[in-house]
Amino acid sequence: MAQAIELAHDLAERIDRHREEGESREEFVRELLDVYKTEGRFVREGYSE
């Protein structure tokens, strides 16, 4: 089930500046989370699954 996340306009613009051509915001966020998980940041900060 999909859930909507409301973003501030300036944050949405920041995300858009970093997305690759044709990449959706959802794809960008998914990749960002994968990088954080791979680098272990969630584990160190207490956000592990």
PDB file of N, CA and C in Angstrom:
ATOM      1  N   MET A   1       0.842  -1.171   0.000  1.00  0.00           N
ATOM      2  CA  MET A   1       0.000   0.000   0.000  1.00  0.00           C
ATOM      3  C   MET A   1       0.900   1.252   0.000  1.00  0.00           C
ATOM      4  N   ALA A   2       0.698   2.124  -0.934  1.00  0.00           N
ATOM      5  CA  ALA A   2       1.481   3.351  -1.032  1.00  0.00           C
ATOM      6  C   ALA A   2       0.985   4.378  -0.027  1.00  0.00           C
ATOM      7  N   GLN A   3       1.923   5.136   0.509  1.00  0.00           N
ATOM      8  CA  GLN A   3       1.592   6.228   1.425  1.00  0.00           C
ATOM      9  C   GLN A   3       2.186   7.510   0.879  1.00  0.00           C
ATOM     10  N   ALA A   4       1.469   8.588   1.037  1.00  0.00           N
ATOM     11  CA  ALA A   4       1.954   9.889   0.571  1.00  0.00           C
ATOM     12  C   ALA A   4       2.791  10.537   1.668  1.00  0.00           C
ATOM     13  N   ILE A   5       3.859  11.169   1.256  1.00  0.00           N
ATOM     14  CA  ILE A   5       4.703  11.934   2.167  1.00  0.00           C
ATOM     15  C   ILE A   5       4.729  13.365   1.661  1.00  0.00           C
ATOM     16  N   GLU A   6       4.379  14.291   2.515  1.00  0.00           N
ATOM     17  CA  GLU A   6       4.365  15.698   2.131  1.00  0.00           C
ATOM     18  C   GLU A   6       5.747  16.294   2.371  1.00  0.00           C
ATOM     19  N   LEU A   7       6.297  16.931   1.339  1.00  0.00           N
ATOM     20  CA  LEU A   7       7.622  17.538   1.431  1.00  0.00           C
ATOM     21  C   LEU A   7       7.500  19.055   1.338  1.00  0.00           C
ATOM     22  N   ALA A   8       8.328  19.736   2.075  1.00  0.00           N
ATOM     23  CA  ALA A   8       8.406  21.185   1.923  1.00  0.00           C
ATOM     24  C   ALA A   8       8.904  21.480   0.512  1.00  0.00           C
ATOM     25  N   HIS A   9       8.471  22.579  -0.045  1.00  0.00           N
ATOM     26  CA  HIS A   9       8.819  22.944  -1.416  1.00  0.00           C
ATOM     27  C   HIS A   9      10.339  22.989  -1.615  1.00  0.00           C
ATOM     28  N   ASP A  10      11.066  23.569  -0.670  1.00  0.00           N
ATOM     29  CA  ASP A  10      12.521  23.678  -0.829  1.00  0.00           C
ATOM     30  C   ASP A  10      13.199  22.310  -0.774  1.00  0.00           C
ATOM     31  N   LEU A  11      12.680  21.390   0.026  1.00  0.00           N
ATOM     32  CA  LEU A  11      13.253  20.045   0.070  1.00  0.00           C
ATOM     33  C   LEU A  11      12.986  19.301  -1.237  1.00  0.00           C
ATOM     34  N   ALA A  12      11.787  19.434  -1.764  1.00  0.00           N
ATOM     35  CA  ALA A  12      11.459  18.802  -3.050  1.00  0.00           C
ATOM     36  C   ALA A  12      12.385  19.329  -4.148  1.00  0.00           C
ATOM     37  N   GLU A  13      12.667  20.621  -4.126  1.00  0.00           N
ATOM     38  CA  GLU A  13      13.584  21.194  -5.118  1.00  0.00           C
ATOM     39  C   GLU A  13      14.995  20.641  -4.953  1.00  0.00           C
ATOM     40  N   ARG A  14      15.436  20.466  -3.716  1.00  0.00           N
ATOM     41  CA  ARG A  14      16.770  19.888  -3.482  1.00  0.00           C
ATOM     42  C   ARG A  14      16.845  18.475  -4.029  1.00  0.00           C
ATOM     43  N   ILE A  15      15.809  17.694  -3.767  1.00  0.00           N
ATOM     44  CA  ILE A  15      15.776  16.325  -4.289  1.00  0.00           C
ATOM     45  C   ILE A  15      15.815  16.347  -5.810  1.00  0.00           C
ATOM     46  N   ASP A  16      15.024  17.216  -6.403  1.00  0.00           N
ATOM     47  CA  ASP A  16      14.960  17.299  -7.866  1.00  0.00           C
ATOM     48  C   ASP A  16      16.308  17.670  -8.482  1.00  0.00           C
ATOM     49  N   ARG A  17      17.079  18.494  -7.803  1.00  0.00           N
ATOM     50  CA  ARG A  17      18.399  18.883  -8.329  1.00  0.00           C
ATOM     51  C   ARG A  17      19.377  17.716  -8.347  1.00  0.00           C
ATOM     52  N   HIS A  18      19.146  16.724  -7.489  1.00  0.00           N
ATOM     53  CA  HIS A  18      20.075  15.593  -7.387  1.00  0.00           C
ATOM     54  C   HIS A  18      19.623  14.360  -8.155  1.00  0.00           C
ATOM     55  N   ARG A  19      18.378  14.346  -8.606  1.00  0.00           N
ATOM     56  CA  ARG A  19      17.877  13.175  -9.330  1.00  0.00           C
ATOM     57  C   ARG A  19      18.502  13.088 -10.714  1.00  0.00           C
ATOM     58  N   GLU A  20      18.695  11.859 -11.172  1.00  0.00           N
ATOM     59  CA  GLU A  20      19.159  11.651 -12.540  1.00  0.00           C
ATOM     60  C   GLU A  20      17.979  11.833 -13.479  1.00  0.00           C
ATOM     61  N   GLU A  21      18.269  12.107 -14.731  1.00  0.00           N
ATOM     62  CA  GLU A  21      17.208  12.300 -15.718  1.00  0.00           C
ATOM     63  C   GLU A  21      16.306  11.064 -15.777  1.00  0.00           C
ATOM     64  N   GLY A  22      15.013  11.275 -15.663  1.00  0.00           N
ATOM     65  CA  GLY A  22      14.052  10.191 -15.722  1.00  0.00           C
ATOM     66  C   GLY A  22      13.825   9.472 -14.396  1.00  0.00           C
ATOM     67  N   GLU A  23      14.582   9.824 -13.372  1.00  0.00           N
ATOM     68  CA  GLU A  23      14.451   9.184 -12.060  1.00  0.00           C
ATOM     69  C   GLU A  23      13.341   9.862 -11.259  1.00  0.00           C
ATOM     70  N   SER A  24      12.454   9.084 -10.684  1.00  0.00           N
ATOM     71  CA  SER A  24      11.371   9.650  -9.875  1.00  0.00           C
ATOM     72  C   SER A  24      11.898   9.994  -8.473  1.00  0.00           C
ATOM     73  N   ARG A  25      11.137  10.787  -7.765  1.00  0.00           N
ATOM     74  CA  ARG A  25      11.510  11.095  -6.374  1.00  0.00           C
ATOM     75  C   ARG A  25      11.527   9.822  -5.544  1.00  0.00           C
ATOM     76  N   GLU A  26      10.573   8.938  -5.791  1.00  0.00           N
ATOM     77  CA  GLU A  26      10.526   7.672  -5.049  1.00  0.00           C
ATOM     78  C   GLU A  26      11.797   6.856  -5.284  1.00  0.00           C
ATOM     79  N   GLU A  27      12.221   6.765  -6.537  1.00  0.00           N
ATOM     80  CA  GLU A  27      13.448   6.026  -6.852  1.00  0.00           C
ATOM     81  C   GLU A  27      14.657   6.665  -6.181  1.00  0.00           C
ATOM     82  N   PHE A  28      14.704   7.998  -6.175  1.00  0.00           N
ATOM     83  CA  PHE A  28      15.811   8.712  -5.549  1.00  0.00           C
ATOM     84  C   PHE A  28      15.867   8.408  -4.050  1.00  0.00           C
ATOM     85  N   VAL A  29      14.726   8.496  -3.376  1.00  0.00           N
ATOM     86  CA  VAL A  29      14.680   8.251  -1.930  1.00  0.00           C
ATOM     87  C   VAL A  29      15.044   6.798  -1.623  1.00  0.00           C
ATOM     88  N   ARG A  30      14.552   5.876  -2.433  1.00  0.00           N
ATOM     89  CA  ARG A  30      14.883   4.454  -2.240  1.00  0.00           C
ATOM     90  C   ARG A  30      16.396   4.243  -2.337  1.00  0.00           C
ATOM     91  N   GLU A  31      17.028   4.844  -3.340  1.00  0.00           N
ATOM     92  CA  GLU A  31      18.477   4.714  -3.512  1.00  0.00           C
ATOM     93  C   GLU A  31      19.223   5.368  -2.349  1.00  0.00           C
ATOM     94  N   LEU A  32      18.755   6.508  -1.903  1.00  0.00           N
ATOM     95  CA  LEU A  32      19.363   7.197  -0.770  1.00  0.00           C
ATOM     96  C   LEU A  32      19.315   6.323   0.482  1.00  0.00           C
ATOM     97  N   LEU A  33      18.178   5.693   0.736  1.00  0.00           N
ATOM     98  CA  LEU A  33      18.047   4.803   1.889  1.00  0.00           C
ATOM     99  C   LEU A  33      18.964   3.594   1.761  1.00  0.00           C
ATOM    100  N   ASP A  34      19.105   3.057   0.551  1.00  0.00           N
ATOM    101  CA  ASP A  34      20.001   1.923   0.332  1.00  0.00           C
ATOM    102  C   ASP A  34      21.448   2.306   0.646  1.00  0.00           C
ATOM    103  N   VAL A  35      21.853   3.500   0.243  1.00  0.00           N
ATOM    104  CA  VAL A  35      23.218   3.968   0.517  1.00  0.00           C
ATOM    105  C   VAL A  35      23.416   4.101   2.022  1.00  0.00           C
ATOM    106  N   TYR A  36      22.481   4.707   2.722  1.00  0.00           N
ATOM    107  CA  TYR A  36      22.603   4.860   4.169  1.00  0.00           C
ATOM    108  C   TYR A  36      22.655   3.505   4.865  1.00  0.00           C
ATOM    109  N   LYS A  37      21.842   2.567   4.412  1.00  0.00           N
ATOM    110  CA  LYS A  37      21.832   1.243   5.021  1.00  0.00           C
ATOM    111  C   LYS A  37      23.162   0.536   4.767  1.00  0.00           C
ATOM    112  N   THR A  38      23.681   0.632   3.547  1.00  0.00           N
ATOM    113  CA  THR A  38      24.944  -0.002   3.185  1.00  0.00           C
ATOM    114  C   THR A  38      26.107   0.564   3.994  1.00  0.00           C
ATOM    115  N   GLU A  39      26.096   1.866   4.208  1.00  0.00           N
ATOM    116  CA  GLU A  39      27.176   2.502   4.961  1.00  0.00           C
ATOM    117  C   GLU A  39      27.036   2.310   6.461  1.00  0.00           C
ATOM    118  N   GLY A  40      25.920   1.729   6.903  1.00  0.00           N
ATOM    119  CA  GLY A  40      25.744   1.445   8.320  1.00  0.00           C
ATOM    120  C   GLY A  40      25.295   2.623   9.154  1.00  0.00           C
ATOM    121  N   ARG A  41      24.896   3.706   8.543  1.00  0.00           N
ATOM    122  CA  ARG A  41      24.506   4.883   9.324  1.00  0.00           C
ATOM    123  C   ARG A  41      23.264   4.629  10.164  1.00  0.00           C
ATOM    124  N   PHE A  42      22.304   3.870   9.638  1.00  0.00           N
ATOM    125  CA  PHE A  42      21.094   3.608  10.412  1.00  0.00           C
ATOM    126  C   PHE A  42      21.431   2.775  11.653  1.00  0.00           C
ATOM    127  N   VAL A  43      22.364   1.842  11.509  1.00  0.00           N
ATOM    128  CA  VAL A  43      22.733   1.013  12.636  1.00  0.00           C
ATOM    129  C   VAL A  43      23.409   1.854  13.714  1.00  0.00           C
ATOM    130  N   ARG A  44      24.324   2.719  13.337  1.00  0.00           N
ATOM    131  CA  ARG A  44      25.033   3.556  14.305  1.00  0.00           C
ATOM    132  C   ARG A  44      24.102   4.559  14.982  1.00  0.00           C
ATOM    133  N   GLU A  45      23.086   5.021  14.264  1.00  0.00           N
ATOM    134  CA  GLU A  45      22.202   6.033  14.810  1.00  0.00           C
ATOM    135  C   GLU A  45      20.956   5.435  15.471  1.00  0.00           C
ATOM    136  N   GLY A  46      20.892   4.121  15.565  1.00  0.00           N
ATOM    137  CA  GLY A  46      19.781   3.481  16.239  1.00  0.00           C
ATOM    138  C   GLY A  46      18.533   3.297  15.397  1.00  0.00           C
ATOM    139  N   TYR A  47      18.671   3.325  14.070  1.00  0.00           N
ATOM    140  CA  TYR A  47      17.518   3.173  13.190  1.00  0.00           C
ATOM    141  C   TYR A  47      17.516   1.852  12.452  1.00  0.00           C
ATOM    142  N   SER A  48      18.218   0.851  12.960  1.00  0.00           N
ATOM    143  CA  SER A  48      18.283  -0.414  12.242  1.00  0.00           C
ATOM    144  C   SER A  48      16.923  -1.111  12.262  1.00  0.00           C
ATOM    145  N   GLU A  49      16.729  -1.971  11.270  1.00  0.00           N
ATOM    146  CA  GLU A  49      15.455  -2.693  11.173  1.00  0.00           C
ATOM    147  C   GLU A  49      15.421  -3.841  12.147  1.00  0.00           C
TER     148      GLU A  49
END
